PDB file of N, CA and C in Angstrom:
ATOM      1  N   MET A   1      11.648   7.085  17.326  1.00  0.00           N
ATOM      2  CA  MET A   1      10.420   7.092  16.582  1.00  0.00           C
ATOM      3  C   MET A   1      10.715   7.400  15.114  1.00  0.00           C
ATOM      4  N   ILE A   2      10.041   6.718  14.227  1.00  0.00           N
ATOM      5  CA  ILE A   2      10.231   6.930  12.797  1.00  0.00           C
ATOM      6  C   ILE A   2       9.464   8.187  12.379  1.00  0.00           C
ATOM      7  N   PRO A   3      10.125   9.079  11.652  1.00  0.00           N
ATOM      8  CA  PRO A   3       9.389  10.254  11.170  1.00  0.00           C
ATOM      9  C   PRO A   3       8.351   9.828  10.119  1.00  0.00           C
ATOM     10  N   PRO A   4       7.337  10.625   9.907  1.00  0.00           N
ATOM     11  CA  PRO A   4       6.280  10.248   8.968  1.00  0.00           C
ATOM     12  C   PRO A   4       6.789   9.956   7.556  1.00  0.00           C
ATOM     13  N   ILE A   5       7.775  10.700   7.084  1.00  0.00           N
ATOM     14  CA  ILE A   5       8.293  10.447   5.743  1.00  0.00           C
ATOM     15  C   ILE A   5       9.023   9.109   5.700  1.00  0.00           C
ATOM     16  N   GLY A   6       9.662   8.734   6.806  1.00  0.00           N
ATOM     17  CA  GLY A   6      10.324   7.427   6.877  1.00  0.00           C
ATOM     18  C   GLY A   6       9.318   6.291   6.804  1.00  0.00           C
ATOM     19  N   MET A   7       8.200   6.460   7.497  1.00  0.00           N
ATOM     20  CA  MET A   7       7.155   5.442   7.447  1.00  0.00           C
ATOM     21  C   MET A   7       6.559   5.363   6.043  1.00  0.00           C
ATOM     22  N   ALA A   8       6.390   6.513   5.401  1.00  0.00           N
ATOM     23  CA  ALA A   8       5.838   6.527   4.044  1.00  0.00           C
ATOM     24  C   ALA A   8       6.790   5.865   3.059  1.00  0.00           C
ATOM     25  N   ILE A   9       8.074   6.121   3.183  1.00  0.00           N
ATOM     26  CA  ILE A   9       9.063   5.502   2.296  1.00  0.00           C
ATOM     27  C   ILE A   9       9.100   3.996   2.512  1.00  0.00           C
ATOM     28  N   ALA A  10       9.075   3.572   3.772  1.00  0.00           N
ATOM     29  CA  ALA A  10       9.083   2.135   4.067  1.00  0.00           C
ATOM     30  C   ALA A  10       7.830   1.455   3.515  1.00  0.00           C
ATOM     31  N   ALA A  11       6.669   2.078   3.698  1.00  0.00           N
ATOM     32  CA  ALA A  11       5.422   1.500   3.195  1.00  0.00           C
ATOM     33  C   ALA A  11       5.437   1.418   1.678  1.00  0.00           C
ATOM     34  N   MET A  12       5.908   2.470   1.018  1.00  0.00           N
ATOM     35  CA  MET A  12       5.971   2.480  -0.443  1.00  0.00           C
ATOM     36  C   MET A  12       6.907   1.395  -0.955  1.00  0.00           C
ATOM     37  N   THR A  13       8.052   1.247  -0.315  1.00  0.00           N
ATOM     38  CA  THR A  13       9.016   0.231  -0.729  1.00  0.00           C
ATOM     39  C   THR A  13       8.426  -1.171  -0.621  1.00  0.00           C
ATOM     40  N   VAL A  14       7.806  -1.474   0.487  1.00  0.00           N
ATOM     41  CA  VAL A  14       7.231  -2.805   0.687  1.00  0.00           C
ATOM     42  C   VAL A  14       6.068  -3.054  -0.272  1.00  0.00           C
ATOM     43  N   MET A  15       5.196  -2.073  -0.444  1.00  0.00           N
ATOM     44  CA  MET A  15       4.046  -2.278  -1.336  1.00  0.00           C
ATOM     45  C   MET A  15       4.485  -2.462  -2.781  1.00  0.00           C
ATOM     46  N   LEU A  16       5.426  -1.646  -3.247  1.00  0.00           N
ATOM     47  CA  LEU A  16       5.898  -1.809  -4.621  1.00  0.00           C
ATOM     48  C   LEU A  16       6.633  -3.122  -4.806  1.00  0.00           C
ATOM     49  N   TRP A  17       7.374  -3.574  -3.793  1.00  0.00           N
ATOM     50  CA  TRP A  17       8.057  -4.863  -3.881  1.00  0.00           C
ATOM     51  C   TRP A  17       7.044  -6.008  -3.971  1.00  0.00           C
ATOM     52  N   ILE A  18       5.978  -5.948  -3.196  1.00  0.00           N
ATOM     53  CA  ILE A  18       4.954  -7.002  -3.240  1.00  0.00           C
ATOM     54  C   ILE A  18       4.273  -7.021  -4.613  1.00  0.00           C
ATOM     55  N   ILE A  19       3.934  -5.860  -5.146  1.00  0.00           N
ATOM     56  CA  ILE A  19       3.312  -5.808  -6.474  1.00  0.00           C
ATOM     57  C   ILE A  19       4.278  -6.320  -7.533  1.00  0.00           C
ATOM     58  N   TRP A  20       5.524  -5.894  -7.475  1.00  0.00           N
ATOM     59  CA  TRP A  20       6.536  -6.316  -8.444  1.00  0.00           C
ATOM     60  C   TRP A  20       6.746  -7.826  -8.393  1.00  0.00           C
ATOM     61  N   SER A  21       6.858  -8.385  -7.202  1.00  0.00           N
ATOM     62  CA  SER A  21       7.087  -9.833  -7.099  1.00  0.00           C
ATOM     63  C   SER A  21       5.872 -10.610  -7.587  1.00  0.00           C
ATOM     64  N   ASP A  22       4.677 -10.070  -7.417  1.00  0.00           N
ATOM     65  CA  ASP A  22       3.479 -10.747  -7.906  1.00  0.00           C
ATOM     66  C   ASP A  22       3.402 -10.703  -9.427  1.00  0.00           C
ATOM     67  N   ILE A  23       3.805  -9.604 -10.027  1.00  0.00           N
ATOM     68  CA  ILE A  23       3.777  -9.482 -11.484  1.00  0.00           C
ATOM     69  C   ILE A  23       4.768 -10.451 -12.130  1.00  0.00           C
ATOM     70  N   LEU A  24       5.900 -10.680 -11.484  1.00  0.00           N
ATOM     71  CA  LEU A  24       6.908 -11.567 -12.050  1.00  0.00           C
ATOM     72  C   LEU A  24       6.519 -13.044 -11.988  1.00  0.00           C
ATOM     73  N   ARG A  25       5.681 -13.416 -11.056  1.00  0.00           N
ATOM     74  CA  ARG A  25       5.298 -14.815 -10.896  1.00  0.00           C
ATOM     75  C   ARG A  25       4.240 -15.202 -11.923  1.00  0.00           C
ATOM     76  N   THR A  26       4.466 -16.350 -12.555  1.00  0.00           N
ATOM     77  CA  THR A  26       3.464 -16.847 -13.498  1.00  0.00           C
ATOM     78  C   THR A  26       2.485 -17.781 -12.806  1.00  0.00           C
ATOM     79  N   ARG A  27       2.916 -18.404 -11.739  1.00  0.00           N
ATOM     80  CA  ARG A  27       2.054 -19.322 -10.999  1.00  0.00           C
ATOM     81  C   ARG A  27       1.095 -18.525 -10.123  1.00  0.00           C
ATOM     82  N   ARG A  28      -0.140 -18.962 -10.076  1.00  0.00           N
ATOM     83  CA  ARG A  28      -1.156 -18.274  -9.269  1.00  0.00           C
ATOM     84  C   ARG A  28      -1.006 -18.622  -7.801  1.00  0.00           C
ATOM     85  N   ARG A  29      -1.268 -17.652  -6.969  1.00  0.00           N
ATOM     86  CA  ARG A  29      -1.211 -17.835  -5.517  1.00  0.00           C
ATOM     87  C   ARG A  29      -2.548 -18.308  -4.983  1.00  0.00           C
ATOM     88  N   MET A  30      -2.527 -18.713  -3.733  1.00  0.00           N
ATOM     89  CA  MET A  30      -3.768 -19.107  -3.071  1.00  0.00           C
ATOM     90  C   MET A  30      -4.630 -17.865  -2.841  1.00  0.00           C
ATOM     91  N   PRO A  31      -5.948 -18.030  -2.912  1.00  0.00           N
ATOM     92  CA  PRO A  31      -6.838 -16.870  -2.721  1.00  0.00           C
ATOM     93  C   PRO A  31      -6.673 -16.184  -1.369  1.00  0.00           C
ATOM     94  N   VAL A  32      -6.316 -16.949  -0.355  1.00  0.00           N
ATOM     95  CA  VAL A  32      -6.140 -16.363   0.986  1.00  0.00           C
ATOM     96  C   VAL A  32      -4.997 -15.346   0.986  1.00  0.00           C
ATOM     97  N   LEU A  33      -3.947 -15.595   0.215  1.00  0.00           N
ATOM     98  CA  LEU A  33      -2.838 -14.635   0.158  1.00  0.00           C
ATOM     99  C   LEU A  33      -3.256 -13.350  -0.533  1.00  0.00           C
ATOM    100  N   TYR A  34      -4.090 -13.461  -1.566  1.00  0.00           N
ATOM    101  CA  TYR A  34      -4.590 -12.250  -2.211  1.00  0.00           C
ATOM    102  C   TYR A  34      -5.453 -11.454  -1.243  1.00  0.00           C
ATOM    103  N   ALA A  35      -6.288 -12.137  -0.472  1.00  0.00           N
ATOM    104  CA  ALA A  35      -7.137 -11.447   0.506  1.00  0.00           C
ATOM    105  C   ALA A  35      -6.280 -10.762   1.574  1.00  0.00           C
ATOM    106  N   LEU A  36      -5.218 -11.419   2.022  1.00  0.00           N
ATOM    107  CA  LEU A  36      -4.318 -10.807   3.009  1.00  0.00           C
ATOM    108  C   LEU A  36      -3.601  -9.591   2.434  1.00  0.00           C
ATOM    109  N   ARG A  37      -3.203  -9.677   1.169  1.00  0.00           N
ATOM    110  CA  ARG A  37      -2.536  -8.538   0.545  1.00  0.00           C
ATOM    111  C   ARG A  37      -3.490  -7.358   0.393  1.00  0.00           C
ATOM    112  N   ILE A  38      -4.732  -7.651   0.018  1.00  0.00           N
ATOM    113  CA  ILE A  38      -5.731  -6.582  -0.085  1.00  0.00           C
ATOM    114  C   ILE A  38      -5.904  -5.903   1.273  1.00  0.00           C
ATOM    115  N   ALA A  39      -6.037  -6.710   2.316  1.00  0.00           N
ATOM    116  CA  ALA A  39      -6.196  -6.156   3.664  1.00  0.00           C
ATOM    117  C   ALA A  39      -4.973  -5.344   4.072  1.00  0.00           C
ATOM    118  N   LEU A  40      -3.785  -5.849   3.788  1.00  0.00           N
ATOM    119  CA  LEU A  40      -2.548  -5.145   4.135  1.00  0.00           C
ATOM    120  C   LEU A  40      -2.474  -3.789   3.439  1.00  0.00           C
ATOM    121  N   PHE A  41      -2.759  -3.764   2.153  1.00  0.00           N
ATOM    122  CA  PHE A  41      -2.675  -2.522   1.402  1.00  0.00           C
ATOM    123  C   PHE A  41      -3.702  -1.507   1.895  1.00  0.00           C
ATOM    124  N   LEU A  42      -4.918  -1.967   2.184  1.00  0.00           N
ATOM    125  CA  LEU A  42      -5.948  -1.052   2.663  1.00  0.00           C
ATOM    126  C   LEU A  42      -5.652  -0.550   4.076  1.00  0.00           C
ATOM    127  N   ILE A  43      -5.101  -1.407   4.916  1.00  0.00           N
ATOM    128  CA  ILE A  43      -4.751  -1.000   6.282  1.00  0.00           C
ATOM    129  C   ILE A  43      -3.631   0.037   6.262  1.00  0.00           C
ATOM    130  N   VAL A  44      -2.603  -0.205   5.459  1.00  0.00           N
ATOM    131  CA  VAL A  44      -1.495   0.759   5.373  1.00  0.00           C
ATOM    132  C   VAL A  44      -1.998   2.091   4.822  1.00  0.00           C
ATOM    133  N   SER A  45      -2.859   2.040   3.807  1.00  0.00           N
ATOM    134  CA  SER A  45      -3.419   3.277   3.261  1.00  0.00           C
ATOM    135  C   SER A  45      -4.252   4.002   4.307  1.00  0.00           C
ATOM    136  N   GLY A  46      -5.031   3.262   5.067  1.00  0.00           N
ATOM    137  CA  GLY A  46      -5.833   3.862   6.126  1.00  0.00           C
ATOM    138  C   GLY A  46      -4.987   4.499   7.209  1.00  0.00           C
ATOM    139  N   ILE A  47      -3.896   3.856   7.575  1.00  0.00           N
ATOM    140  CA  ILE A  47      -2.999   4.419   8.590  1.00  0.00           C
ATOM    141  C   ILE A  47      -2.360   5.706   8.083  1.00  0.00           C
ATOM    142  N   MET A  48      -1.980   5.720   6.813  1.00  0.00           N
ATOM    143  CA  MET A  48      -1.391   6.943   6.264  1.00  0.00           C
ATOM    144  C   MET A  48      -2.411   8.078   6.224  1.00  0.00           C
ATOM    145  N   VAL A  49      -3.650   7.776   5.846  1.00  0.00           N
ATOM    146  CA  VAL A  49      -4.694   8.807   5.845  1.00  0.00           C
ATOM    147  C   VAL A  49      -4.952   9.295   7.272  1.00  0.00           C
ATOM    148  N   LEU A  50      -5.012   8.363   8.213  1.00  0.00           N
ATOM    149  CA  LEU A  50      -5.218   8.738   9.607  1.00  0.00           C
ATOM    150  C   LEU A  50      -4.100   9.647  10.108  1.00  0.00           C
ATOM    151  N   ASN A  51      -2.865   9.311   9.777  1.00  0.00           N
ATOM    152  CA  ASN A  51      -1.742  10.158  10.183  1.00  0.00           C
ATOM    153  C   ASN A  51      -1.797  11.528   9.514  1.00  0.00           C
ATOM    154  N   LEU A  52      -2.198  11.566   8.245  1.00  0.00           N
ATOM    155  CA  LEU A  52      -2.315  12.857   7.549  1.00  0.00           C
ATOM    156  C   LEU A  52      -3.387  13.741   8.182  1.00  0.00           C
ATOM    157  N   VAL A  53      -4.483  13.126   8.626  1.00  0.00           N
ATOM    158  CA  VAL A  53      -5.581  13.893   9.219  1.00  0.00           C
ATOM    159  C   VAL A  53      -5.286  14.251  10.674  1.00  0.00           C
ATOM    160  N   ARG A  54      -4.774  13.289  11.420  1.00  0.00           N
ATOM    161  CA  ARG A  54      -4.567  13.493  12.849  1.00  0.00           C
ATOM    162  C   ARG A  54      -3.352  14.361  13.154  1.00  0.00           C
ATOM    163  N   TYR A  55      -2.276  14.199  12.377  1.00  0.00           N
ATOM    164  CA  TYR A  55      -1.041  14.941  12.633  1.00  0.00           C
ATOM    165  C   TYR A  55      -0.598  15.715  11.394  1.00  0.00           C
ATOM    166  N   PRO A  56      -1.370  16.668  10.936  1.00  0.00           N
ATOM    167  CA  PRO A  56      -0.989  17.379   9.699  1.00  0.00           C
ATOM    168  C   PRO A  56       0.291  18.193   9.845  1.00  0.00           C
ATOM    169  N   ASN A  57       0.624  18.627  11.055  1.00  0.00           N
ATOM    170  CA  ASN A  57       1.831  19.432  11.245  1.00  0.00           C
ATOM    171  C   ASN A  57       3.115  18.602  11.164  1.00  0.00           C
ATOM    172  N   TYR A  58       3.031  17.275  11.211  1.00  0.00           N
ATOM    173  CA  TYR A  58       4.215  16.418  11.080  1.00  0.00           C
ATOM    174  C   TYR A  58       4.691  16.314   9.640  1.00  0.00           C
ATOM    175  N   PHE A  59       3.813  16.628   8.699  1.00  0.00           N
ATOM    176  CA  PHE A  59       4.129  16.453   7.287  1.00  0.00           C
ATOM    177  C   PHE A  59       4.427  17.798   6.648  1.00  0.00           C
ATOM    178  N   SER A  60       5.624  17.923   6.061  1.00  0.00           N
ATOM    179  CA  SER A  60       5.935  19.119   5.276  1.00  0.00           C
ATOM    180  C   SER A  60       5.258  18.967   3.914  1.00  0.00           C
ATOM    181  N   GLY A  61       5.443  19.911   3.036  1.00  0.00           N
ATOM    182  CA  GLY A  61       4.802  19.851   1.721  1.00  0.00           C
ATOM    183  C   GLY A  61       5.158  18.598   0.935  1.00  0.00           C
ATOM    184  N   GLY A  62       6.459  18.317   0.826  1.00  0.00           N
ATOM    185  CA  GLY A  62       6.904  17.141   0.083  1.00  0.00           C
ATOM    186  C   GLY A  62       6.503  15.838   0.753  1.00  0.00           C
ATOM    187  N   ALA A  63       6.573  15.811   2.061  1.00  0.00           N
ATOM    188  CA  ALA A  63       6.191  14.600   2.803  1.00  0.00           C
ATOM    189  C   ALA A  63       4.692  14.338   2.672  1.00  0.00           C
ATOM    190  N   ARG A  64       3.896  15.390   2.652  1.00  0.00           N
ATOM    191  CA  ARG A  64       2.444  15.238   2.499  1.00  0.00           C
ATOM    192  C   ARG A  64       2.109  14.672   1.116  1.00  0.00           C
ATOM    193  N   ILE A  65       2.770  15.174   0.085  1.00  0.00           N
ATOM    194  CA  ILE A  65       2.537  14.674  -1.278  1.00  0.00           C
ATOM    195  C   ILE A  65       2.971  13.222  -1.379  1.00  0.00           C
ATOM    196  N   PHE A  66       4.118  12.876  -0.794  1.00  0.00           N
ATOM    197  CA  PHE A  66       4.590  11.489  -0.842  1.00  0.00           C
ATOM    198  C   PHE A  66       3.648  10.566  -0.070  1.00  0.00           C
ATOM    199  N   ALA A  67       3.128  11.023   1.056  1.00  0.00           N
ATOM    200  CA  ALA A  67       2.177  10.216   1.821  1.00  0.00           C
ATOM    201  C   ALA A  67       0.895   9.993   1.028  1.00  0.00           C
ATOM    202  N   MET A  68       0.442  11.007   0.302  1.00  0.00           N
ATOM    203  CA  MET A  68      -0.737  10.840  -0.553  1.00  0.00           C
ATOM    204  C   MET A  68      -0.449   9.867  -1.688  1.00  0.00           C
ATOM    205  N   LEU A  69       0.773   9.891  -2.190  1.00  0.00           N
ATOM    206  CA  LEU A  69       1.178   8.942  -3.227  1.00  0.00           C
ATOM    207  C   LEU A  69       1.180   7.515  -2.680  1.00  0.00           C
ATOM    208  N   VAL A  70       1.603   7.359  -1.425  1.00  0.00           N
ATOM    209  CA  VAL A  70       1.566   6.045  -0.779  1.00  0.00           C
ATOM    210  C   VAL A  70       0.128   5.545  -0.668  1.00  0.00           C
ATOM    211  N   VAL A  71      -0.787   6.425  -0.303  1.00  0.00           N
ATOM    212  CA  VAL A  71      -2.205   6.056  -0.215  1.00  0.00           C
ATOM    213  C   VAL A  71      -2.714   5.631  -1.587  1.00  0.00           C
ATOM    214  N   LEU A  72      -2.337   6.362  -2.613  1.00  0.00           N
ATOM    215  CA  LEU A  72      -2.762   6.039  -3.978  1.00  0.00           C
ATOM    216  C   LEU A  72      -2.218   4.678  -4.416  1.00  0.00           C
ATOM    217  N   VAL A  73      -0.953   4.409  -4.137  1.00  0.00           N
ATOM    218  CA  VAL A  73      -0.362   3.107  -4.476  1.00  0.00           C
ATOM    219  C   VAL A  73      -1.035   2.003  -3.675  1.00  0.00           C
ATOM    220  N   GLY A  74      -1.367   2.263  -2.422  1.00  0.00           N
ATOM    221  CA  GLY A  74      -2.038   1.256  -1.598  1.00  0.00           C
ATOM    222  C   GLY A  74      -3.412   0.889  -2.132  1.00  0.00           C
ATOM    223  N   VAL A  75      -4.176   1.888  -2.539  1.00  0.00           N
ATOM    224  CA  VAL A  75      -5.512   1.625  -3.087  1.00  0.00           C
ATOM    225  C   VAL A  75      -5.387   0.921  -4.448  1.00  0.00           C
ATOM    226  N   ALA A  76      -4.451   1.386  -5.278  1.00  0.00           N
ATOM    227  CA  ALA A  76      -4.244   0.737  -6.578  1.00  0.00           C
ATOM    228  C   ALA A  76      -3.779  -0.709  -6.406  1.00  0.00           C
ATOM    229  N   GLY A  77      -2.919  -0.951  -5.435  1.00  0.00           N
ATOM    230  CA  GLY A  77      -2.475  -2.318  -5.168  1.00  0.00           C
ATOM    231  C   GLY A  77      -3.608  -3.199  -4.684  1.00  0.00           C
ATOM    232  N   ALA A  78      -4.467  -2.666  -3.835  1.00  0.00           N
ATOM    233  CA  ALA A  78      -5.630  -3.431  -3.369  1.00  0.00           C
ATOM    234  C   ALA A  78      -6.555  -3.760  -4.534  1.00  0.00           C
ATOM    235  N   ILE A  79      -6.740  -2.810  -5.443  1.00  0.00           N
ATOM    236  CA  ILE A  79      -7.561  -3.072  -6.633  1.00  0.00           C
ATOM    237  C   ILE A  79      -6.896  -4.131  -7.505  1.00  0.00           C
ATOM    238  N   HIS A  80      -5.582  -4.051  -7.676  1.00  0.00           N
ATOM    239  CA  HIS A  80      -4.835  -5.031  -8.470  1.00  0.00           C
ATOM    240  C   HIS A  80      -5.029  -6.447  -7.915  1.00  0.00           C
ATOM    241  N   PHE A  81      -4.843  -6.593  -6.617  1.00  0.00           N
ATOM    242  CA  PHE A  81      -4.985  -7.919  -6.020  1.00  0.00           C
ATOM    243  C   PHE A  81      -6.443  -8.356  -5.949  1.00  0.00           C
ATOM    244  N   GLY A  82      -7.354  -7.404  -5.819  1.00  0.00           N
ATOM    245  CA  GLY A  82      -8.776  -7.735  -5.845  1.00  0.00           C
ATOM    246  C   GLY A  82      -9.192  -8.284  -7.197  1.00  0.00           C
ATOM    247  N   ARG A  83      -8.697  -7.679  -8.260  1.00  0.00           N
ATOM    248  CA  ARG A  83      -8.985  -8.192  -9.598  1.00  0.00           C
ATOM    249  C   ARG A  83      -8.411  -9.588  -9.788  1.00  0.00           C
ATOM    250  N   LYS A  84      -7.198  -9.806  -9.274  1.00  0.00           N
ATOM    251  CA  LYS A  84      -6.597 -11.134  -9.388  1.00  0.00           C
ATOM    252  C   LYS A  84      -7.386 -12.168  -8.591  1.00  0.00           C
ATOM    253  N   LEU A  85      -7.917 -11.753  -7.462  1.00  0.00           N
ATOM    254  CA  LEU A  85      -8.714 -12.659  -6.636  1.00  0.00           C
ATOM    255  C   LEU A  85     -10.028 -13.014  -7.324  1.00  0.00           C
ATOM    256  N   VAL A  86     -10.669 -12.035  -7.923  1.00  0.00           N
ATOM    257  CA  VAL A  86     -11.965 -12.263  -8.577  1.00  0.00           C
ATOM    258  C   VAL A  86     -11.796 -12.998  -9.905  1.00  0.00           C
ATOM    259  N   LEU A  87     -10.754 -12.683 -10.640  1.00  0.00           N
ATOM    260  CA  LEU A  87     -10.570 -13.253 -11.985  1.00  0.00           C
ATOM    261  C   LEU A  87      -9.792 -14.568 -11.999  1.00  0.00           C
ATOM    262  N   ARG A  88      -9.691 -15.217 -10.857  1.00  0.00           N
ATOM    263  CA  ARG A  88      -8.958 -16.496 -10.818  1.00  0.00           C
ATOM    264  C   ARG A  88      -9.689 -17.546 -11.632  1.00  0.00           C
ATOM    265  N   HIS A  89      -8.916 -18.365 -12.321  1.00  0.00           N
ATOM    266  CA  HIS A  89      -9.506 -19.440 -13.141  1.00  0.00           C
ATOM    267  C   HIS A  89      -9.403 -20.759 -12.436  1.00  0.00           C
TER     268      HIS A  89
END
């Protein structure tokens, strides 16, 4: 089983990679991909919040802060892709 900090590190790595790869691309993606990314980011953030609430004893001080940072990046990423979806030309 993956420890909670391992799941948080994996989620952070994937989310930052998706945001980074999107920023580097000049060509616009299909709207469906933006919607899927928004859903992915919100689902991962929700799972991290659920784990923080349901299993608070699994997270030490540093792991809890990192998990909250993952939630923050997930919500910010969803907002980023939501803006790109709405502001498409």
